[in-house]
Protein backbone atom coordinates (compact mmCIF):
# COMPACT_ATOMS: atom_id res chain seq x y z
CA UNK A 1 21.33 33.96 17.65
CA UNK A 2 19.65 36.79 19.55
CA UNK A 3 15.99 36.73 20.50
CA UNK A 4 15.18 39.53 18.01
CA UNK A 5 17.00 37.66 15.22
CA UNK A 6 14.96 34.54 16.04
CA UNK A 7 11.71 36.56 15.92
CA UNK A 8 12.68 38.07 12.54
CA UNK A 9 13.55 34.62 11.19
CA UNK A 10 10.18 33.23 12.37
CA UNK A 11 8.40 36.24 10.84
CA UNK A 12 10.15 35.63 7.52
CA UNK A 13 8.85 32.03 7.38
CA UNK A 14 5.30 33.00 8.42
CA UNK A 15 5.23 36.01 6.08
CA UNK A 16 6.56 34.01 3.11
CA UNK A 17 4.35 30.95 3.58
CA UNK A 18 1.10 32.86 4.20
CA UNK A 19 1.87 35.15 1.25
CA UNK A 20 2.37 32.19 -1.08
CA UNK A 21 -0.67 30.35 0.23
CA UNK A 22 -3.04 33.32 -0.12
CA UNK A 23 -1.58 34.88 -3.29
CA UNK A 24 -4.34 33.41 -5.47
CA UNK A 25 -7.17 34.88 -3.41
CA UNK A 26 -5.30 38.18 -3.12
CA UNK A 27 -5.27 38.39 -6.93
CA UNK A 28 -8.98 37.44 -7.12
CA UNK A 29 -9.95 40.07 -4.52
CA UNK A 30 -7.76 42.71 -6.20
CA UNK A 31 -9.24 42.11 -9.68
CA UNK A 32 -12.83 41.95 -8.43
CA UNK A 33 -12.23 44.99 -6.23
CA UNK A 34 -11.15 47.01 -9.27
CA UNK A 35 -14.20 45.81 -11.21
CA UNK A 36 -16.54 46.68 -8.34
CA UNK A 37 -14.94 50.12 -7.97
CA UNK A 38 -15.72 50.81 -11.62
CA UNK A 39 -19.16 49.22 -11.93
CA UNK A 40 -20.56 52.54 -13.22
CA UNK A 41 -18.08 52.40 -16.11
CA UNK A 42 -18.03 48.69 -16.85
CA UNK A 43 -20.47 45.83 -16.28
CA UNK A 44 -18.22 43.12 -14.87
CA UNK A 45 -21.08 40.67 -14.39
CA UNK A 46 -22.57 40.64 -17.89
CA UNK A 47 -21.62 41.27 -21.50
CA UNK A 48 -24.56 42.93 -23.27
CA UNK A 49 -24.82 43.13 -27.03
CA UNK A 50 -27.55 44.69 -29.13
CA UNK A 51 -28.50 43.67 -32.66
CA UNK A 52 -31.10 45.41 -34.83
CA UNK A 53 -32.65 43.68 -37.85
CA UNK A 54 -35.93 43.40 -39.78
CA UNK A 55 -38.17 40.36 -39.71
CA UNK A 56 -39.94 39.46 -42.94
CA UNK A 57 -43.33 41.23 -42.72
CA UNK A 58 -44.98 38.07 -44.08
CA UNK A 59 -44.00 36.27 -40.85
CA UNK A 60 -45.80 38.82 -38.70
CA UNK A 61 -49.28 38.38 -37.30
CA UNK A 62 -51.65 40.58 -35.39
CA UNK A 63 -51.29 40.67 -31.66
CA UNK A 64 -54.19 38.33 -30.89
CA UNK A 65 -52.79 35.58 -33.14
CA UNK A 66 -49.26 35.39 -31.67
CA UNK A 67 -48.73 32.22 -29.65
CA UNK A 68 -45.83 30.84 -27.66
CA UNK A 69 -44.82 28.83 -30.74
CA UNK A 70 -44.73 32.04 -32.83
CA UNK A 71 -42.54 33.72 -30.20
CA UNK A 72 -40.17 30.73 -30.26
CA UNK A 73 -39.96 30.89 -34.07
CA UNK A 74 -38.92 34.58 -33.79
CA UNK A 75 -36.31 33.59 -31.20
CA UNK A 76 -34.83 31.02 -33.58
CA UNK A 77 -33.99 33.87 -36.00
CA UNK A 78 -31.42 35.11 -33.46
CA UNK A 79 -30.04 31.68 -32.56
CA UNK A 80 -32.12 31.05 -29.44
CA UNK A 81 -34.18 27.88 -29.04
CA UNK A 82 -37.33 26.91 -27.18
CA UNK A 83 -35.35 26.02 -24.02
CA UNK A 84 -34.57 29.73 -23.65
CA UNK A 85 -38.19 30.89 -23.87
CA UNK A 86 -39.49 32.44 -20.65
CA UNK A 87 -42.58 34.41 -21.67
CA UNK A 88 -43.82 37.09 -24.02
CA UNK A 89 -46.13 40.06 -23.74
CA UNK A 90 -47.11 43.28 -25.50
CA UNK A 91 -45.70 46.42 -23.84
CA UNK A 92 -47.40 48.57 -26.53
CA UNK A 93 -50.26 47.96 -28.93
CA UNK A 94 -48.15 46.67 -31.84
CA UNK A 95 -44.99 45.65 -30.03
CA UNK A 96 -44.05 42.12 -28.96
CA UNK A 97 -41.43 41.53 -26.28
CA UNK A 98 -40.03 38.04 -25.74
CA UNK A 99 -38.08 37.27 -22.56
CA UNK A 100 -35.26 34.77 -22.89
CA UNK A 101 -33.55 32.92 -20.03
CA UNK A 102 -30.45 34.66 -18.71
CA UNK A 103 -31.88 38.16 -19.18
CA UNK A 104 -31.84 38.42 -22.98
CA UNK A 105 -34.84 39.79 -24.84
CA UNK A 106 -36.25 40.26 -28.32
CA UNK A 107 -38.54 43.20 -29.12
CA UNK A 108 -40.45 43.24 -32.42
CA UNK A 109 -42.52 46.05 -33.93
CA UNK A 110 -45.46 44.17 -35.46
CA UNK A 111 -46.28 46.98 -37.91
CA UNK A 112 -42.97 47.04 -39.81
CA UNK A 113 -40.96 44.02 -38.57
CA UNK A 114 -38.16 46.05 -36.98
CA UNK A 115 -36.60 43.95 -34.23
CA UNK A 116 -34.03 44.49 -31.50
CA UNK A 117 -32.28 41.55 -29.91
CA UNK A 118 -30.49 42.31 -26.66
CA UNK A 119 -28.26 39.44 -25.65
CA UNK A 120 -27.08 39.21 -22.05
CA UNK A 121 -24.30 36.76 -21.21
CA UNK A 122 -22.54 36.26 -17.90
CA UNK A 123 -18.81 37.01 -18.00
CA UNK A 124 -17.40 33.65 -16.86
CA UNK A 125 -14.21 34.59 -14.96
CA UNK A 126 -14.85 38.10 -13.69
CA UNK A 127 -18.41 37.38 -12.53
CA UNK A 128 -17.10 34.37 -10.58
CA UNK A 129 -14.45 36.59 -8.94
CA UNK A 130 -17.15 39.11 -7.99
CA UNK A 131 -19.30 36.32 -6.55
CA UNK A 132 -16.47 35.43 -4.16
CA UNK A 133 -16.00 39.10 -3.29
CA UNK A 134 -19.71 39.38 -2.40
CA UNK A 135 -19.39 36.32 -0.11
CA UNK A 136 -21.52 33.47 -1.51
CA UNK A 137 -22.09 31.46 1.66
CA UNK A 138 -21.28 30.33 5.18
CA UNK A 139 -18.14 28.33 4.35
CA UNK A 140 -16.75 31.17 2.30
CA UNK A 141 -17.32 33.45 5.32
CA UNK A 142 -15.16 31.14 7.42
CA UNK A 143 -12.45 31.09 4.75
CA UNK A 144 -12.67 34.89 4.33
CA UNK A 145 -12.27 35.41 8.08
CA UNK A 146 -9.17 33.19 8.07
CA UNK A 147 -7.90 35.12 5.05
CA UNK A 148 -8.50 38.50 6.76
CA UNK A 149 -6.68 37.32 9.90
CA UNK A 150 -3.82 36.06 7.72
CA UNK A 151 -3.58 39.46 6.01
CA UNK A 152 -3.13 41.02 9.44
CA UNK A 153 -0.40 38.49 10.25
CA UNK A 154 1.29 39.09 6.88
CA UNK A 155 1.23 42.85 7.58
CA UNK A 156 2.60 42.57 11.12
CA UNK A 157 5.35 40.12 10.15
CA UNK A 158 6.24 42.34 7.19
CA UNK A 159 6.69 45.29 9.55
CA UNK A 160 9.08 43.30 11.73
CA UNK A 161 11.16 41.76 8.92
CA UNK A 162 13.26 44.73 7.84
CA UNK A 163 15.66 46.36 10.28
CA UNK A 164 17.68 49.55 10.24
CA UNK A 165 17.07 52.68 8.16
CA UNK A 166 14.67 50.89 5.80
CA UNK A 167 12.69 49.25 8.61
CA UNK A 168 9.96 50.49 10.90
CA UNK A 169 12.44 52.70 12.77
CA UNK A 170 13.33 54.60 9.57
CA UNK A 171 11.81 54.98 6.12
CA UNK A 172 9.40 52.07 6.70
CA UNK A 173 7.90 53.81 9.73
CA UNK A 174 7.30 57.01 7.74
CA UNK A 175 5.65 55.03 4.94
CA UNK A 176 3.51 53.24 7.54
CA UNK A 177 2.31 56.56 9.01
CA UNK A 178 1.50 57.97 5.57
CA UNK A 179 -0.35 54.77 4.74
CA UNK A 180 -2.44 55.13 7.89
CA UNK A 181 -3.02 58.88 7.48
CA UNK A 182 -4.20 58.69 3.87
CA UNK A 183 -7.42 56.69 4.53
CA UNK A 184 -8.05 58.66 7.74
CA UNK A 185 -7.83 61.97 5.89
CA UNK A 186 -10.05 60.60 3.16
CA UNK A 187 -12.68 59.56 5.73
CA UNK A 188 -12.53 62.94 7.48
CA UNK A 189 -12.60 65.23 4.45
CA UNK A 190 -14.37 63.39 1.65
């Protein structure tokens, strides 16, 4: 077996094994990357819902008489309990706003009982993917550096694997140049 054939064989093993090992994180980074690219169009971190309803006017009090317990009783009408209570205040003369843990809120017009409940819930899978993409800590930095180095190795071994017209000396080389030129042109002209 020639030296070049041995190198290609070694590259095939390295390329295959690193690709399998890192395929999970490649998928996570790809999905979170798409979500982060479109954060103006889609909130990947949170699902926000808005519900409008009317509270029985008999349950309403004047501003000075509303206590924490009253705010909690209003929260119970939308399925929240006292554990979720953060605080309440009056942004306008006859308007009560109740802050609920996790970013949700309940706003009540004290004159007519019209209420708006805005529920904010973390998206469990996608927000976790984004957290990894944003780099949550020192150990993840170490892992990410190893991952980045492995991506370089996967790329280099992939370039060496194929020989002939489809390899780096033929069509593969042209595709490589186009792949390098595209981001360079984008950086220069956009």
